[in-house]
Protein backbone atom coordinates (compact mmCIF):
# COMPACT_ATOMS: atom_id res chain seq x y z
CA UNK A 1 -2.08 -21.79 -17.31
CA UNK A 2 0.23 -20.80 -14.49
CA UNK A 3 -1.38 -19.14 -11.54
CA UNK A 4 -0.76 -15.53 -10.65
CA UNK A 5 1.23 -15.03 -7.45
CA UNK A 6 2.17 -12.14 -5.18
CA UNK A 7 4.93 -11.65 -2.65
CA UNK A 8 4.56 -8.92 -0.04
CA UNK A 9 7.75 -7.96 1.76
CA UNK A 10 7.36 -6.15 5.06
CA UNK A 11 10.71 -4.34 4.88
CA UNK A 12 10.47 -2.12 7.95
CA UNK A 13 13.85 -0.54 8.57
CA UNK A 14 14.87 -0.65 4.90
CA UNK A 15 14.93 2.29 2.52
CA UNK A 16 14.16 1.91 -1.18
CA UNK A 17 16.62 4.73 -1.84
CA UNK A 18 19.46 2.57 -0.50
CA UNK A 19 21.81 0.47 -2.55
CA UNK A 20 22.57 -3.19 -2.94
CA UNK A 21 22.21 -5.76 -5.70
CA UNK A 22 18.57 -6.59 -4.98
CA UNK A 23 17.58 -2.95 -4.41
CA UNK A 24 19.29 -1.89 -7.63
CA UNK A 25 17.40 -4.58 -9.57
CA UNK A 26 14.13 -3.57 -7.93
CA UNK A 27 14.60 0.15 -8.54
CA UNK A 28 15.32 -0.34 -12.26
CA UNK A 29 11.82 -1.65 -12.99
CA UNK A 30 9.65 -0.76 -10.02
CA UNK A 31 6.82 1.70 -9.67
CA UNK A 32 7.30 3.40 -6.29
CA UNK A 33 4.53 5.00 -4.25
CA UNK A 34 6.30 7.67 -2.23
CA UNK A 35 3.35 8.72 -0.04
CA UNK A 36 2.13 5.41 1.34
CA UNK A 37 0.80 4.57 4.77
CA UNK A 38 1.59 0.88 5.31
CA UNK A 39 0.24 0.53 8.86
CA UNK A 40 -1.39 -2.89 9.14
CA UNK A 41 -0.44 -3.95 5.61
CA UNK A 42 0.92 -7.40 6.55
CA UNK A 43 -2.13 -8.15 8.70
CA UNK A 44 -4.48 -7.14 5.88
CA UNK A 45 -2.55 -9.38 3.49
CA UNK A 46 -2.91 -12.32 5.86
CA UNK A 47 -6.65 -11.57 6.21
CA UNK A 48 -6.87 -11.75 2.40
CA UNK A 49 -5.42 -15.26 2.49
CA UNK A 50 -1.73 -14.41 2.51
CA UNK A 51 0.56 -16.96 4.11
CA UNK A 52 3.29 -15.68 6.42
CA UNK A 53 6.57 -17.39 5.66
CA UNK A 54 10.31 -16.91 5.93
CA UNK A 55 12.99 -16.46 3.30
CA UNK A 56 13.98 -20.14 3.28
CA UNK A 57 10.40 -21.38 2.76
CA UNK A 58 9.26 -18.74 0.25
CA UNK A 59 9.36 -20.91 -2.90
CA UNK A 60 7.53 -23.76 -1.20
CA UNK A 61 4.88 -21.43 0.17
CA UNK A 62 4.17 -19.98 -3.29
CA UNK A 63 3.51 -23.48 -4.62
CA UNK A 64 0.45 -23.70 -2.38
CA UNK A 65 -0.62 -20.06 -1.91
CA UNK A 66 -1.29 -17.10 -4.17
CA UNK A 67 0.04 -14.53 -1.70
CA UNK A 68 3.13 -14.92 0.47
CA UNK A 69 4.05 -12.43 3.19
CA UNK A 70 7.65 -12.22 4.41
CA UNK A 71 9.53 -9.86 6.67
CA UNK A 72 13.08 -8.75 6.14
CA UNK A 73 15.32 -6.39 4.32
CA UNK A 74 17.81 -6.96 1.51
CA UNK A 75 17.90 -10.75 2.05
CA UNK A 76 14.10 -11.04 1.80
CA UNK A 77 14.06 -8.84 -1.29
CA UNK A 78 16.78 -10.91 -2.96
CA UNK A 79 14.89 -14.14 -2.22
CA UNK A 80 11.63 -12.68 -3.54
CA UNK A 81 13.20 -11.46 -6.76
CA UNK A 82 14.86 -14.84 -7.27
CA UNK A 83 11.61 -16.74 -6.60
CA UNK A 84 9.43 -14.47 -8.75
CA UNK A 85 8.63 -15.38 -12.33
CA UNK A 86 6.73 -13.52 -15.05
CA UNK A 87 3.40 -14.31 -13.33
CA UNK A 88 4.45 -12.85 -9.97
CA UNK A 89 4.10 -9.36 -8.55
CA UNK A 90 6.48 -8.33 -5.77
CA UNK A 91 5.42 -5.56 -3.38
CA UNK A 92 7.99 -4.07 -1.00
CA UNK A 93 6.75 -1.97 1.92
CA UNK A 94 9.81 -0.01 3.06
CA UNK A 95 10.26 3.05 5.27
CA UNK A 96 10.35 5.50 2.36
CA UNK A 97 7.58 4.07 0.18
CA UNK A 98 6.05 1.01 -1.42
CA UNK A 99 7.52 -0.52 -4.57
CA UNK A 100 5.53 -2.64 -7.03
CA UNK A 101 7.58 -4.90 -9.30
CA UNK A 102 6.75 -7.61 -11.81
CA UNK A 103 3.59 -8.80 -13.54
CA UNK A 104 1.19 -6.08 -14.71
CA UNK A 105 3.35 -3.28 -13.27
CA UNK A 106 4.41 -0.29 -15.37
CA UNK A 107 8.19 -0.41 -15.05
CA UNK A 108 8.42 3.10 -16.50
CA UNK A 109 6.12 4.68 -13.91
CA UNK A 110 9.04 5.54 -11.62
CA UNK A 111 7.99 7.47 -8.53
CA UNK A 112 4.26 7.95 -8.21
CA UNK A 113 3.10 10.78 -5.97
CA UNK A 114 -0.28 9.67 -4.69
CA UNK A 115 -1.47 9.27 -1.13
CA UNK A 116 -2.38 5.62 -0.54
CA UNK A 117 -3.01 3.45 2.48
CA UNK A 118 -2.74 -0.26 3.25
CA UNK A 119 -6.26 -0.95 1.98
CA UNK A 120 -5.43 0.55 -1.43
CA UNK A 121 -2.23 -1.50 -1.68
CA UNK A 122 -4.01 -4.74 -0.73
CA UNK A 123 -6.83 -4.08 -3.21
CA UNK A 124 -4.29 -3.46 -5.97
CA UNK A 125 -2.54 -6.76 -5.17
CA UNK A 126 -5.90 -8.59 -5.05
CA UNK A 127 -6.90 -7.12 -8.41
CA UNK A 128 -3.67 -8.16 -10.10
CA UNK A 129 -3.56 -11.67 -8.61
CA UNK A 130 -7.34 -12.36 -8.80
CA UNK A 131 -7.89 -12.73 -5.07
CA UNK A 132 -11.45 -12.40 -3.71
CA UNK A 133 -12.50 -9.00 -2.41
CA UNK A 134 -14.99 -8.58 0.39
CA UNK A 135 -18.22 -6.66 -0.14
CA UNK A 136 -17.27 -4.09 2.51
CA UNK A 137 -14.17 -2.98 0.58
CA UNK A 138 -13.90 0.81 0.26
CA UNK A 139 -10.35 1.03 -1.09
CA UNK A 140 -9.15 2.16 -4.51
CA UNK A 141 -6.94 0.33 -7.00
CA UNK A 142 -3.68 2.23 -7.55
CA UNK A 143 -3.97 2.38 -11.34
CA UNK A 144 -0.89 4.59 -11.63
CA UNK A 145 1.38 1.58 -11.02
CA UNK A 146 -0.36 -0.71 -13.52
CA UNK A 147 0.90 -1.26 -17.02
CA UNK A 148 -2.69 -1.37 -18.28
CA UNK A 149 -5.46 0.31 -16.29
CA UNK A 150 -7.95 -1.90 -18.18
CA UNK A 151 -6.17 -5.08 -17.10
CA UNK A 152 -9.31 -6.98 -16.03
CA UNK A 153 -11.43 -5.74 -18.93
CA UNK A 154 -8.81 -6.93 -21.42
CA UNK A 155 -8.61 -10.34 -19.71
CA UNK A 156 -12.40 -10.68 -20.03
CA UNK A 157 -12.32 -9.66 -23.70
CA UNK A 158 -9.63 -12.28 -24.46
CA UNK A 159 -11.68 -14.97 -22.71
CA UNK A 160 -14.84 -13.95 -24.59
CA UNK A 161 -12.97 -14.09 -27.92
CA UNK A 162 -11.59 -17.54 -27.11
CA UNK A 163 -15.06 -18.74 -26.13
CA UNK A 164 -16.53 -17.39 -29.39
CA UNK A 165 -13.84 -19.24 -31.40
CA UNK A 166 -14.55 -22.46 -29.54
CA UNK A 167 -18.31 -22.10 -30.02
CA UNK A 168 -17.89 -21.52 -33.77
CA UNK A 169 -15.82 -24.69 -34.07
CA UNK A 170 -18.45 -26.67 -32.15
CA UNK A 171 -21.24 -25.27 -34.35
CA UNK A 172 -19.58 -26.38 -37.56
CA UNK A 173 -18.69 -29.72 -35.97
CA UNK A 174 -15.07 -29.40 -37.07
CA UNK A 175 -12.26 -29.88 -34.56
CA UNK A 176 -9.49 -29.30 -37.10
CA UNK A 177 -7.52 -26.65 -35.17
CA UNK A 178 -7.52 -28.86 -32.07
CA UNK A 179 -6.83 -32.18 -33.84
CA UNK A 180 -3.39 -30.90 -34.77
CA UNK A 181 -2.37 -30.50 -31.13
CA UNK A 182 -2.11 -32.69 -28.06
CA UNK A 183 -4.21 -30.28 -26.00
CA UNK A 184 -7.55 -31.64 -27.27
């Protein structure tokens, strides 16, 4: 299974309300937090294990890290959107808000009016991408941007169902479903 990835773009000086090819693509399917305090966001991402990189090295960095942190404006956004796949969440911290785009994000959420800070944003990224959270965490997940607020619960249920199917096959000593495939 492909790993979950996140790209955080520190886009100081850029406005999400602007225009451009990458911004237009982002704004079509992004959930935007309009009342976000992003002070210290990049540093918190690096403390969580994020790797600071540049636009040219972004794809290579994501091969080895779950969270990449880049700085820039439209060029960084374009590179992030090009590098992202269906298992990647892109978070853009601009002057007029924070946009969440990609995996597990509700593309129909539009503008979300909720006061959030850098800790909340980092915890939301960590929850989506399965990054470890410290025991002194006091932040809140921003559920309003998620496609499914029960994201983790549903992942656990799917894993439990798969385990139950595998155990039933082992109990009856019949590997028939797996013998038909190369994955066994």
